[in-house]
Protein backbone atom coordinates (compact mmCIF):
# COMPACT_ATOMS: atom_id res chain seq x y z
CA MET A 1 20.44 -25.41 -9.57
CA LEU A 2 17.34 -26.05 -6.79
CA LYS A 3 19.65 -27.82 -5.04
CA ARG A 4 22.36 -25.32 -5.49
CA ARG A 5 19.85 -22.51 -3.95
CA VAL A 6 18.74 -24.43 -1.05
CA TRP A 7 22.48 -24.98 -0.59
CA ILE A 8 23.36 -21.42 -0.14
CA LEU A 9 20.29 -20.68 1.84
CA LEU A 10 20.91 -22.57 4.54
CA VAL A 11 24.40 -21.66 4.62
CA PHE A 12 23.25 -18.08 4.56
CA PHE A 13 21.16 -18.89 7.82
CA ILE A 14 23.70 -20.78 9.80
CA TRP A 15 26.08 -18.15 9.45
CA CYS A 16 23.60 -15.34 10.68
CA PHE A 17 22.80 -17.95 13.59
CA TYR A 18 26.43 -18.68 14.04
CA TRP A 19 27.62 -14.56 14.09
CA GLY A 20 25.17 -12.53 14.90
CA ASN A 21 23.48 -15.34 17.74
CA GLY A 22 19.65 -15.32 16.30
CA CYS A 23 19.26 -12.81 14.05
CA TYR A 24 16.75 -9.66 15.65
CA ALA A 25 15.76 -6.40 13.88
CA VAL A 26 18.24 -3.33 14.15
CA GLY A 27 18.61 -0.22 13.52
CA SER A 28 16.47 1.91 10.59
CA GLU A 29 18.14 1.97 6.70
CA ASN A 30 17.14 2.31 2.49
CA VAL A 31 17.79 0.34 0.48
CA TYR A 32 16.79 1.21 -3.81
CA LEU A 33 16.60 0.89 -6.88
CA GLY A 34 19.10 2.82 -8.42
CA ALA A 35 19.14 2.68 -12.42
CA ASN A 36 21.78 3.71 -14.87
CA ARG A 37 19.79 5.21 -17.67
CA GLU A 38 15.89 6.43 -16.79
CA GLN A 39 15.35 6.34 -20.32
CA ILE A 40 16.00 3.76 -23.18
CA GLU A 41 14.89 2.38 -26.16
CA LYS A 42 13.60 -0.88 -27.43
CA GLY A 43 16.50 -3.38 -27.68
CA GLU A 44 18.53 -1.44 -25.20
CA GLU A 45 20.01 -2.59 -22.24
CA VAL A 46 19.58 -0.65 -18.83
CA GLU A 47 21.36 -2.33 -15.35
CA ILE A 48 19.53 -1.51 -12.15
CA SER A 49 21.15 -1.30 -8.91
CA VAL A 50 20.48 -2.58 -5.51
CA ASN A 51 21.83 0.16 -2.73
CA ILE A 52 22.34 0.86 0.74
CA GLU A 53 22.24 3.92 2.46
CA GLN A 54 24.06 3.72 5.70
CA ASN A 55 24.99 0.30 6.94
CA LYS A 56 27.45 -2.34 5.94
CA VAL A 57 25.19 -5.52 4.92
CA ALA A 58 27.09 -8.53 5.36
CA ALA A 59 24.29 -10.78 3.92
CA PHE A 60 21.46 -10.65 2.67
CA ASN A 61 18.21 -12.16 0.31
CA LEU A 62 15.96 -10.19 -1.97
CA PHE A 63 13.52 -10.37 -4.24
CA LEU A 64 13.54 -8.07 -6.99
CA THR A 65 10.43 -7.45 -9.26
CA PHE A 66 10.34 -6.12 -12.76
CA ASP A 67 7.39 -5.41 -15.33
CA GLU A 68 8.29 -8.71 -17.59
CA GLU A 69 5.89 -6.94 -20.71
CA LYS A 70 8.33 -4.35 -21.15
CA VAL A 71 11.84 -4.96 -20.24
CA GLU A 72 13.64 -9.09 -19.90
CA CYS A 73 16.79 -10.13 -17.41
CA LEU A 74 19.85 -11.14 -18.81
CA SER A 75 21.47 -11.50 -15.91
CA ALA A 76 23.19 -15.27 -14.85
CA MET A 77 24.60 -15.89 -11.47
CA GLU A 78 24.97 -19.22 -9.64
CA ASN A 79 23.25 -17.46 -6.01
CA MET A 80 20.41 -16.12 -8.76
CA ASN A 81 16.89 -17.33 -9.66
CA ILE A 82 13.97 -15.91 -12.43
CA ILE A 83 10.41 -17.41 -11.49
CA GLY A 84 8.12 -14.98 -14.07
CA ASN A 85 8.70 -11.90 -13.55
CA ARG A 86 10.69 -12.37 -10.17
CA ILE A 87 14.32 -12.30 -9.34
CA ALA A 88 15.44 -14.76 -6.61
CA PHE A 89 18.90 -13.59 -4.99
CA VAL A 90 20.84 -14.43 -1.89
CA TRP A 91 25.10 -13.13 -0.69
CA PHE A 92 27.03 -13.62 2.08
CA ASP A 93 30.22 -12.84 3.03
CA SER A 94 32.26 -15.98 3.08
CA LEU A 95 34.87 -14.03 4.97
CA GLY A 96 32.62 -13.47 7.82
CA GLY A 97 32.37 -9.85 8.06
CA GLU A 98 35.32 -8.77 6.71
CA GLY A 99 33.75 -8.49 3.42
CA ALA A 100 30.70 -6.67 3.95
CA LYS A 101 29.06 -4.33 1.17
CA LYS A 102 27.99 -0.62 1.57
CA GLY A 103 26.75 1.40 -1.35
CA GLU A 104 25.88 -0.31 -4.31
CA LEU A 105 24.88 -3.83 -3.74
CA ILE A 106 24.49 -5.76 -6.49
CA LYS A 107 23.32 -5.16 -10.64
CA PHE A 108 20.57 -6.59 -12.62
CA ARG A 109 20.88 -6.24 -16.64
CA PHE A 110 17.68 -6.28 -18.16
CA LYS A 111 16.96 -5.48 -22.23
CA ALA A 112 14.43 -3.21 -23.27
CA LYS A 113 11.20 -5.29 -25.40
CA GLU A 114 7.81 -2.82 -25.51
CA GLU A 115 7.77 0.91 -25.31
CA GLY A 116 6.42 2.26 -21.61
CA LEU A 117 6.96 2.38 -18.47
CA ALA A 118 9.07 -0.09 -16.46
CA ASN A 119 9.05 -0.57 -12.78
CA PHE A 120 11.40 -2.71 -10.58
CA GLN A 121 9.89 -3.25 -7.17
CA LEU A 122 12.52 -4.67 -4.16
CA GLU A 123 11.68 -6.35 -1.13
CA GLY A 124 13.69 -9.18 0.91
CA GLU A 125 15.76 -9.35 4.50
CA PHE A 126 19.85 -7.58 5.09
CA TYR A 127 22.11 -8.78 7.79
CA ASN A 128 24.80 -6.44 9.46
CA GLN A 129 28.53 -7.74 10.80
CA LYS A 130 26.62 -9.42 13.34
CA GLY A 131 24.24 -11.26 11.98
CA GLN A 132 21.36 -8.50 13.22
CA LEU A 133 18.51 -8.65 11.10
CA LEU A 134 18.22 -4.53 9.35
CA GLN A 135 15.41 -2.55 9.38
CA VAL A 136 14.54 -1.32 6.20
CA ASP A 137 12.27 0.93 3.31
CA PHE A 138 12.84 -0.03 0.01
CA LYS A 139 12.54 2.29 -2.65
CA GLY A 140 11.52 0.98 -6.24
CA THR A 141 12.42 2.94 -9.10
CA GLN A 142 10.94 3.44 -12.73
CA ILE A 143 12.66 3.57 -16.62
CA SER A 144 11.12 4.69 -19.93
CA ILE A 145 11.81 2.76 -23.20
CA GLY A 146 10.93 5.00 -26.53
CA GLU A 147 10.72 7.64 -27.39
CA GLU A 148 9.53 9.98 -24.73
CA GLU A 149 7.78 13.55 -25.07
CA ASN A 150 9.73 16.33 -22.87
CA ASN A 151 7.25 17.75 -20.42
CA LEU A 152 9.49 20.34 -20.38
CA SER A 153 10.03 21.79 -23.44
CA LYS A 154 6.33 20.60 -24.23
CA GLN A 155 5.30 23.49 -21.70
CA LEU A 156 7.81 26.10 -22.83
CA PRO A 157 6.14 27.38 -25.60
CA GLU A 158 2.89 28.99 -23.87
CA GLU A 159 5.16 29.85 -20.95
CA GLN A 160 7.22 32.40 -22.62
CA GLY A 161 8.16 35.82 -20.88
CA SER A 162 6.14 38.78 -22.03
CA ASN A 163 8.05 41.54 -20.35
CA GLN A 164 9.97 43.77 -23.20
CA GLU A 165 12.42 45.43 -21.00
CA GLU A 166 16.20 45.43 -22.34
CA LYS A 167 17.41 44.78 -19.08
CA ASN A 168 15.87 42.94 -17.71
CA SER A 169 17.43 39.43 -16.77
CA ASN A 170 15.52 38.02 -14.13
CA LEU A 171 13.89 34.62 -15.00
CA GLN A 172 10.18 34.01 -14.92
CA ILE A 173 10.22 30.00 -14.66
CA LEU A 174 12.70 27.28 -13.18
CA ARG A 175 11.87 23.78 -13.47
CA ILE A 176 13.47 20.42 -13.04
CA ASN A 177 12.60 17.30 -14.14
CA ARG A 178 13.29 15.96 -9.89
CA GLU A 179 11.00 16.48 -7.00
CA GLY A 180 12.54 17.75 -3.85
CA MET A 181 14.34 21.51 -5.30
CA VAL A 182 13.97 23.72 -2.63
CA PRO A 183 12.68 26.47 -1.96
CA ASN A 184 10.14 27.30 -4.67
CA PHE A 185 11.09 28.97 -7.39
CA GLU A 186 10.57 32.95 -7.24
CA THR A 187 12.16 35.16 -9.60
CA GLN A 188 14.39 36.86 -7.17
CA ILE A 189 15.73 33.80 -5.26
CA LYS A 190 19.24 33.26 -7.02
CA GLN A 191 20.10 30.13 -4.94
CA TYR A 192 19.12 26.69 -4.60
CA TYR A 193 19.22 22.96 -3.32
CA LEU A 194 18.38 19.34 -4.55
CA THR A 195 19.71 16.08 -2.83
CA ILE A 196 19.80 12.91 -5.78
CA PRO A 197 20.48 9.57 -5.75
CA THR A 198 23.89 7.85 -7.00
CA SER A 199 21.93 6.55 -9.84
CA ILE A 200 20.41 9.93 -11.17
CA GLN A 201 23.34 11.30 -13.90
CA GLU A 202 21.36 14.61 -15.42
CA ILE A 203 18.76 16.47 -14.86
CA GLU A 204 16.59 17.93 -17.30
CA VAL A 205 15.94 22.36 -16.65
CA LEU A 206 13.75 24.76 -18.15
CA ALA A 207 14.15 27.51 -17.45
CA VAL A 208 12.20 30.78 -19.36
CA SER A 209 13.86 34.62 -19.45
CA GLU A 210 11.30 37.38 -18.43
CA ASN A 211 12.29 39.45 -21.82
CA PRO A 212 12.12 36.56 -24.41
CA ASN A 213 14.61 38.23 -26.11
CA ALA A 214 17.62 37.98 -23.03
CA THR A 215 19.57 34.61 -23.62
CA VAL A 216 19.40 32.02 -20.67
CA GLU A 217 21.87 29.51 -20.63
CA ILE A 218 22.45 25.97 -18.91
CA THR A 219 25.75 24.41 -17.63
CA GLY A 220 26.53 21.44 -15.05
CA ASN A 221 23.53 19.45 -15.27
CA THR A 222 24.87 16.55 -17.06
CA ASN A 223 27.54 13.92 -16.19
CA LEU A 224 26.57 14.85 -12.66
CA LYS A 225 29.72 13.42 -10.10
CA GLU A 226 28.99 11.89 -6.65
CA GLY A 227 29.73 14.62 -4.34
CA LEU A 228 28.42 18.52 -4.93
CA ASN A 229 27.62 20.05 -8.55
CA GLN A 230 26.53 23.31 -9.21
CA ILE A 231 24.01 23.73 -12.03
CA LYS A 232 24.60 27.53 -13.17
CA ILE A 233 21.34 29.15 -14.98
CA THR A 234 22.67 32.50 -16.63
CA VAL A 235 20.51 34.59 -17.78
CA LEU A 236 21.81 38.02 -20.11
CA SER A 237 19.57 40.98 -20.91
CA GLU A 238 18.37 41.86 -24.39
CA ASP A 239 21.00 44.36 -24.37
CA LYS A 240 24.15 42.59 -22.60
CA THR A 241 23.91 45.02 -20.33
CA GLN A 242 22.79 42.91 -16.31
CA ASN A 243 23.58 39.53 -16.51
CA THR A 244 21.40 37.38 -13.40
CA VAL A 245 22.78 34.09 -12.38
CA TYR A 246 21.13 31.67 -10.68
CA MET A 247 22.03 28.66 -9.26
CA ILE A 248 21.12 24.69 -8.01
CA GLU A 249 23.43 22.87 -5.61
CA VAL A 250 23.27 19.24 -6.23
CA THR A 251 24.73 16.64 -3.94
CA LYS A 252 24.70 13.27 -5.32
CA THR A 253 24.81 10.67 -2.45
CA SER A 254 24.23 7.70 -1.23
CA ASN A 255 23.87 9.04 2.25
CA VAL A 256 21.08 10.94 2.52
CA GLU A 257 20.83 11.73 6.09
CA SER A 258 24.36 12.90 5.85
CA ALA A 259 23.93 16.04 3.20
CA ASN A 260 20.48 16.42 5.41
CA THR A 261 21.07 20.71 5.66
CA ASN A 262 17.62 21.58 7.12
CA LEU A 263 16.92 23.21 10.43
CA GLU A 264 14.78 21.89 12.57
CA ILE A 265 14.32 25.72 14.35
CA LEU A 266 14.43 29.32 13.26
CA ALA A 267 13.37 31.89 16.00
CA ILE A 268 14.71 35.56 16.70
CA GLU A 269 13.85 36.35 20.39
CA ASN A 270 11.14 38.55 20.22
CA PHE A 271 10.02 39.48 16.59
CA LEU A 272 8.31 37.26 14.52
CA LEU A 273 9.45 36.21 10.95
CA ASN A 274 7.67 36.70 7.75
CA PRO A 275 6.52 33.93 6.47
CA PRO A 276 6.33 31.58 9.35
CA PHE A 277 9.64 29.21 10.23
CA ASP A 278 9.64 26.28 7.38
CA PRO A 279 12.68 23.65 7.20
CA PHE A 280 12.29 24.29 3.15
CA GLU A 281 12.42 28.34 3.03
CA THR A 282 15.06 29.58 2.42
CA ASN A 283 13.91 33.07 2.28
CA TYR A 284 12.24 35.61 5.51
CA LYS A 285 11.94 39.05 6.80
CA VAL A 286 11.77 40.41 9.94
CA GLU A 287 11.16 44.25 11.32
CA VAL A 288 12.31 45.63 14.52
CA SER A 289 12.54 48.26 16.49
CA ASN A 290 14.78 51.47 16.37
CA GLU A 291 17.12 50.54 19.85
CA THR A 292 17.62 47.13 18.23
CA GLU A 293 21.19 46.65 17.79
CA GLY A 294 21.37 43.19 17.98
CA LEU A 295 19.30 39.82 17.26
CA HIS A 296 19.31 36.78 19.83
CA LEU A 297 18.43 33.67 17.18
CA LEU A 298 17.86 30.36 17.85
CA ALA A 299 18.96 28.27 14.57
CA VAL A 300 18.92 24.25 15.50
CA PRO A 301 19.06 21.48 12.84
CA GLU A 302 17.52 18.53 12.09
CA ASN A 303 21.05 16.29 12.07
CA GLU A 304 22.66 17.34 15.84
CA GLU A 305 25.97 16.56 13.50
CA ALA A 306 25.59 19.64 10.81
CA ILE A 307 27.74 22.68 12.07
CA VAL A 308 25.51 26.11 11.69
CA GLU A 309 26.83 29.32 11.01
CA ILE A 310 25.42 32.33 11.55
CA LYS A 311 26.56 36.38 10.11
CA GLY A 312 24.62 39.53 10.10
CA ASP A 313 23.28 39.31 13.96
CA THR A 314 25.20 42.34 15.03
CA ASN A 315 25.60 46.01 14.55
CA LEU A 316 22.33 46.47 12.68
CA GLN A 317 21.74 49.45 10.27
CA VAL A 318 19.11 52.02 10.38
CA GLY A 319 17.24 50.14 7.15
CA LYS A 320 17.86 47.12 5.21
CA ASN A 321 20.22 44.16 6.88
CA LEU A 322 20.82 40.99 5.55
CA LEU A 323 21.60 37.99 8.10
CA LYS A 324 22.96 34.58 6.96
CA ILE A 325 22.63 31.03 8.53
CA GLN A 326 24.55 28.59 6.49
CA VAL A 327 23.81 25.01 7.69
CA ILE A 328 27.45 22.50 6.79
CA ALA A 329 26.35 18.94 6.82
CA PRO A 330 27.90 16.03 8.56
CA ASN A 331 29.42 14.76 4.87
CA GLY A 332 31.47 18.57 4.70
CA TYR A 333 30.36 19.83 1.47
CA THR A 334 26.56 20.09 1.16
CA LYS A 335 25.35 23.49 2.49
CA LYS A 336 22.78 25.56 2.06
CA GLU A 337 21.96 28.81 3.42
CA TYR A 338 19.39 30.40 4.59
CA GLU A 339 18.81 34.17 4.85
CA VAL A 340 17.25 37.08 7.08
CA GLU A 341 16.42 40.54 5.58
CA VAL A 342 16.34 42.42 8.87
CA TYR A 343 14.89 45.66 8.22
CA ARG A 344 15.39 48.59 11.63
CA ARG A 345 13.10 51.40 12.13
CA SER A 346 14.58 54.97 11.98
CA LEU A 347 14.26 56.61 14.65
CA LYS A 348 10.96 58.38 12.48
CA GLU A 349 9.53 55.18 11.48
CA GLU A 350 9.73 54.53 14.95
CA GLU A 351 8.07 57.35 16.17
CA ASN A 352 5.39 57.40 13.75
CA TYR A 353 4.96 52.98 15.01
CA GLN A 354 4.31 53.70 18.36
CA VAL A 355 1.96 55.98 17.89
CA GLU A 356 -0.26 53.79 15.03
CA LEU A 357 0.70 51.16 17.98
CA GLU A 358 -0.68 53.91 20.98
CA GLU A 359 -4.24 53.86 18.09
CA LYS A 360 -4.27 50.68 17.79
CA SER A 361 -4.39 49.81 21.18
CA GLU A 362 -6.80 52.47 22.24
CA GLU A 363 -8.86 50.73 19.23
CA LEU A 364 -8.80 47.75 20.19
CA GLN A 365 -9.59 49.37 23.73
CA ASN A 366 -12.92 51.41 22.79
CA ALA A 367 -14.21 47.73 20.59
CA TYR A 368 -13.82 45.96 24.48
CA LYS A 369 -15.10 49.19 25.53
CA ILE A 370 -18.39 49.23 24.17
CA GLU A 371 -18.21 44.92 23.93
CA GLU A 372 -18.70 45.49 27.93
CA LEU A 373 -21.52 47.63 27.33
CA SER A 374 -23.42 46.64 25.14
CA GLN A 375 -23.35 43.47 27.46
CA PRO A 376 -26.01 44.64 29.93
CA VAL A 377 -27.74 46.69 27.29
CA LYS A 378 -28.33 43.24 25.59
CA GLU A 379 -29.31 41.40 29.15
CA ILE A 380 -31.64 44.37 29.08
CA GLN A 381 -33.06 44.23 25.53
CA ALA A 382 -33.51 40.16 26.24
CA LYS A 383 -35.02 40.81 29.89
CA HIS A 384 -37.46 43.57 28.50
CA GLU A 385 -38.31 41.34 25.12
CA GLY A 386 -39.42 38.36 27.53
CA GLU A 387 -41.62 40.88 29.61
CA THR A 388 -43.03 42.30 26.33
CA LYS A 389 -43.90 38.35 25.21
CA GLN A 390 -44.82 37.61 28.73
CA GLU A 391 -47.11 40.70 28.57
CA LEU A 392 -48.79 40.44 25.20
CA LYS A 393 -48.65 36.35 25.84
CA SER A 394 -51.16 37.73 29.37
CA LEU A 395 -52.94 40.76 26.99
CA ASP A 396 -54.17 37.73 24.25
CA GLY A 397 -55.85 35.78 26.81
CA PHE A 398 -56.94 38.09 28.63
CA LEU A 399 -58.88 39.73 24.92
CA ILE A 400 -60.20 35.64 24.54
CA PHE A 401 -62.35 35.56 27.64
CA LEU A 402 -63.73 39.56 27.13
CA TRP A 403 -64.45 38.35 23.61
CA VAL A 404 -66.55 35.08 25.21
CA VAL A 405 -68.14 36.86 27.98
CA ILE A 406 -69.69 39.29 24.95
CA LEU A 407 -70.22 36.36 22.61
CA GLY A 408 -72.15 34.97 26.06
CA ILE A 409 -74.61 38.05 26.48
CA GLY A 410 -75.50 38.65 22.74
CA ILE A 411 -76.47 34.67 22.69
CA TRP A 412 -78.48 35.58 26.37
CA ILE A 413 -80.27 38.27 24.88
CA ILE A 414 -81.14 36.45 21.78
CA ARG A 415 -82.25 33.70 23.24
CA LYS A 416 -84.49 36.03 25.93
CA ASN A 417 -86.06 38.06 23.04
CA VAL A 418 -87.21 34.98 21.10
CA ASN A 419 -88.89 33.61 24.14
CA LYS A 420 -91.44 37.18 24.49
CA LYS A 421 -92.13 36.24 21.13
CA LYS A 422 -93.28 33.28 21.70
CA THR A 423 -95.56 34.10 25.28
């Protein structure tokens, strides 16, 4: 076994030197571990896969570290070796690059031994079809063994809604067991977005209605397929007359960057967004003047291959308008929509606004004038205070001198009287 291992390593490095004319680091890549099940029982099996996001690899050697107290490795392959809690594995394409791999590279089977959390970590070297070493960021994974209390369900009783309005079909709480959902939940926001790796099969959702008697239905959160998935949360009011739908657009992919729908810049000429722009915030407000009929937008995606489509930036009506900026990711199916509620003031509102603006301007100017006028006064006061202190010091000196003189005269008179008595 050891001789075979040495031989494989030797062939591997000869291959790298021959095809790549020497191995040197290029590019940037993510290699991550995935699990086909995130929660298993003691005695059950789980598959841990090694995945690469973007590049094809024609050779790699890796070291997979696992929690040997919680799991044991069941896999046995010629080009792998297990030492304690560490798996060493080597692979190279014998076809000289034609059989290069992308996405899932290899799977290892494990069996659960003890309850608790089992961690898996990865390191190693990965080479492209030219034999060049890739710069890699590694991401490990974790599984739970045994019965695990559902934190989402545990928090449910203490987070019950208290609104008794029969027509209320709003959510009070929306939470999932995955990080990365954007934007942060707000009752009035109905659309959310999430990107997950291919190892995720389902997402737990906690949805609590404002009215505890409303009906909440969750669909689409299990058996997630690669590509675009929609988790739908439907809230039916207590009186069955109102229906509100909240949607989570979930992209399941091994190439996170191809699903990037973030804007790097979003700005409107001459007007400020409220709140200030944040790539993960999708809802904004802005108020514009009555004379504004159209807007000049700057919307730049983080990924230059993404497509940006803008609707509602022209023919603004008095009152509320909805401006939509849709970003379509390079993969062609992942989308995100930024919304800006644009309020165009009426003529009367514009007049009131200008009056308020002038009043504020006058108040500001008056404040500046008061500050300017008070400056010489402050200087005079400071000078006066300085002169007064100097005068007081002089007066103190004079009084001390006068007291010394009086004291001296008194002593002289006393001595003179004493001398007269003696004579």
